[in-house]
C-alpha atoms as a PDB file:
ATOM      1  CA  MET A   1       3.285  -9.629  13.042  1.00  0.00           C
ATOM      2  CA  LYS A   2       0.393 -10.143  15.437  1.00  0.00           C
ATOM      3  CA  ASN A   3      -0.465  -8.973  18.913  1.00  0.00           C
ATOM      4  CA  ASP A   4      -3.668  -9.469  20.900  1.00  0.00           C
ATOM      5  CA  HIS A   5      -5.556  -6.776  19.003  1.00  0.00           C
ATOM      6  CA  VAL A   6      -3.930  -6.179  15.603  1.00  0.00           C
ATOM      7  CA  ALA A   7      -2.610  -8.314  12.773  1.00  0.00           C
ATOM      8  CA  GLU A   8       0.024  -6.672  10.606  1.00  0.00           C
ATOM      9  CA  LEU A   9       0.790  -7.618   7.019  1.00  0.00           C
ATOM     10  CA  ARG A  10       3.855  -6.282   5.197  1.00  0.00           C
ATOM     11  CA  ILE A  11       4.195  -6.441   1.425  1.00  0.00           C
ATOM     12  CA  THR A  12       7.647  -5.621   0.082  1.00  0.00           C
ATOM     13  CA  ASP A  13       9.212  -5.360  -3.343  1.00  0.00           C
ATOM     14  CA  ASN A  14      12.579  -4.471  -4.801  1.00  0.00           C
ATOM     15  CA  GLY A  15      11.256  -2.381  -7.684  1.00  0.00           C
ATOM     16  CA  LEU A  16      11.767   1.253  -8.613  1.00  0.00           C
ATOM     17  CA  GLY A  17      10.419   2.627  -5.364  1.00  0.00           C
ATOM     18  CA  ILE A  18       8.017   5.535  -4.977  1.00  0.00           C
ATOM     19  CA  ASP A  19       9.133   9.133  -4.709  1.00  0.00           C
ATOM     20  CA  ASP A  20       8.349  10.712  -1.315  1.00  0.00           C
ATOM     21  CA  ARG A  21       6.167  13.363  -3.010  1.00  0.00           C
ATOM     22  CA  GLU A  22       3.988  10.628  -4.486  1.00  0.00           C
ATOM     23  CA  LYS A  23       3.642   8.228  -1.572  1.00  0.00           C
ATOM     24  CA  GLN A  24       0.156   9.376  -0.523  1.00  0.00           C
ATOM     25  CA  LYS A  25      -0.986  10.060  -4.095  1.00  0.00           C
ATOM     26  CA  VAL A  26      -0.667   6.375  -5.037  1.00  0.00           C
ATOM     27  CA  PHE A  27      -3.818   5.730  -2.979  1.00  0.00           C
ATOM     28  CA  ASP A  28      -5.849   8.186  -5.119  1.00  0.00           C
ATOM     29  CA  ARG A  29      -8.148   6.654  -7.730  1.00  0.00           C
ATOM     30  CA  PHE A  30      -6.663   6.637 -11.233  1.00  0.00           C
ATOM     31  CA  TYR A  31      -3.303   8.041 -10.069  1.00  0.00           C
ATOM     32  CA  ARG A  32      -0.340   6.788 -12.084  1.00  0.00           C
ATOM     33  CA  THR A  33       3.147   8.195 -11.809  1.00  0.00           C
ATOM     34  CA  GLU A  34       4.670   9.631 -14.933  1.00  0.00           C
ATOM     35  CA  ARG A  35       7.733   7.427 -14.452  1.00  0.00           C
ATOM     36  CA  ILE A  36       5.637   4.238 -14.557  1.00  0.00           C
ATOM     37  CA  GLN A  37       3.787   5.383 -17.654  1.00  0.00           C
ATOM     38  CA  LYS A  38       7.101   6.130 -19.440  1.00  0.00           C
ATOM     39  CA  LEU A  39       8.263   2.589 -18.699  1.00  0.00           C
ATOM     40  CA  GLY A  40       5.133   1.231 -20.366  1.00  0.00           C
ATOM     41  CA  ILE A  41       3.808  -0.490 -17.252  1.00  0.00           C
ATOM     42  CA  LYS A  42       0.093  -1.003 -17.793  1.00  0.00           C
ATOM     43  CA  GLY A  43      -2.647  -0.300 -15.307  1.00  0.00           C
ATOM     44  CA  TYR A  44      -5.497   2.019 -14.417  1.00  0.00           C
ATOM     45  CA  GLY A  45      -4.446   3.317 -11.007  1.00  0.00           C
ATOM     46  CA  LEU A  46      -7.295   1.633  -9.147  1.00  0.00           C
ATOM     47  CA  GLY A  47      -5.659  -1.195  -7.206  1.00  0.00           C
ATOM     48  CA  LEU A  48      -4.203   0.698  -4.259  1.00  0.00           C
ATOM     49  CA  SER A  49      -7.262   2.949  -3.922  1.00  0.00           C
ATOM     50  CA  LEU A  50      -9.421  -0.184  -3.618  1.00  0.00           C
ATOM     51  CA  VAL A  51      -7.036  -1.753  -1.104  1.00  0.00           C
ATOM     52  CA  LYS A  52      -7.077   1.401   1.022  1.00  0.00           C
ATOM     53  CA  ALA A  53     -10.891   1.589   0.929  1.00  0.00           C
ATOM     54  CA  ILE A  54     -11.224  -2.041   2.044  1.00  0.00           C
ATOM     55  CA  VAL A  55      -8.629  -1.663   4.799  1.00  0.00           C
ATOM     56  CA  LEU A  56     -10.255   1.524   6.147  1.00  0.00           C
ATOM     57  CA  GLN A  57     -13.743  -0.045   6.017  1.00  0.00           C
ATOM     58  CA  SER A  58     -12.333  -2.909   8.087  1.00  0.00           C
ATOM     59  CA  GLY A  59     -11.081  -0.505  10.752  1.00  0.00           C
ATOM     60  CA  GLY A  60      -7.464  -0.857   9.729  1.00  0.00           C
ATOM     61  CA  THR A  61      -4.660   1.304   8.431  1.00  0.00           C
ATOM     62  CA  ILE A  62      -2.270   1.168   5.486  1.00  0.00           C
ATOM     63  CA  SER A  63       1.087   2.897   5.221  1.00  0.00           C
ATOM     64  CA  ILE A  64       3.889   3.069   2.712  1.00  0.00           C
ATOM     65  CA  SER A  65       7.639   3.338   3.233  1.00  0.00           C
ATOM     66  CA  ASP A  66      10.918   2.729   1.435  1.00  0.00           C
ATOM     67  CA  ASN A  67      12.429  -0.727   1.190  1.00  0.00           C
ATOM     68  CA  GLU A  68      16.121   0.097   1.453  1.00  0.00           C
ATOM     69  CA  PRO A  69      18.120   0.101  -0.685  1.00  0.00           C
ATOM     70  CA  ARG A  70      15.405  -0.173  -3.301  1.00  0.00           C
ATOM     71  CA  GLY A  71      11.679  -0.742  -3.559  1.00  0.00           C
ATOM     72  CA  THR A  72       8.601  -0.190  -1.418  1.00  0.00           C
ATOM     73  CA  VAL A  73       7.003  -1.585   1.737  1.00  0.00           C
ATOM     74  CA  PHE A  74       3.249  -1.452   2.297  1.00  0.00           C
ATOM     75  CA  THR A  75       2.137  -2.174   5.864  1.00  0.00           C
ATOM     76  CA  ILE A  76      -1.487  -3.093   6.539  1.00  0.00           C
ATOM     77  CA  SER A  77      -2.746  -3.288  10.123  1.00  0.00           C
ATOM     78  CA  LEU A  78      -6.145  -4.853  10.770  1.00  0.00           C
ATOM     79  CA  PRO A  79      -7.999  -5.332  14.032  1.00  0.00           C
ATOM     80  CA  ILE A  80      -8.387  -8.930  15.107  1.00  0.00           C
ATOM     81  CA  ILE A  81     -12.024  -9.849  15.568  1.00  0.00           C
ATOM     82  CA  ASP A  82     -12.875 -12.577  18.047  1.00  0.00           C
ATOM     83  CA  ILE A  83     -15.827 -14.519  16.607  1.00  0.00           C
ATOM     84  CA  SER A  84     -15.939 -17.223  19.273  1.00  0.00           C
END
């Protein structure tokens, strides 16, 4: 979605979803849910913390919500910069 001032990017999946108690924690460096670790999904818990840092440095926002009936939606809003 795009308006005159903000471009919005939505990333969705149909995976396990993220528990409400953990939604903000997933942006913390090195945070990995116990459920993911039990499933053997590899990673270091850095990806979303890096994404959030880049988005915030760019003057944007990132949010997380459920993708009903299953999965997660990440919404990134970034200001549009006119370079003309």
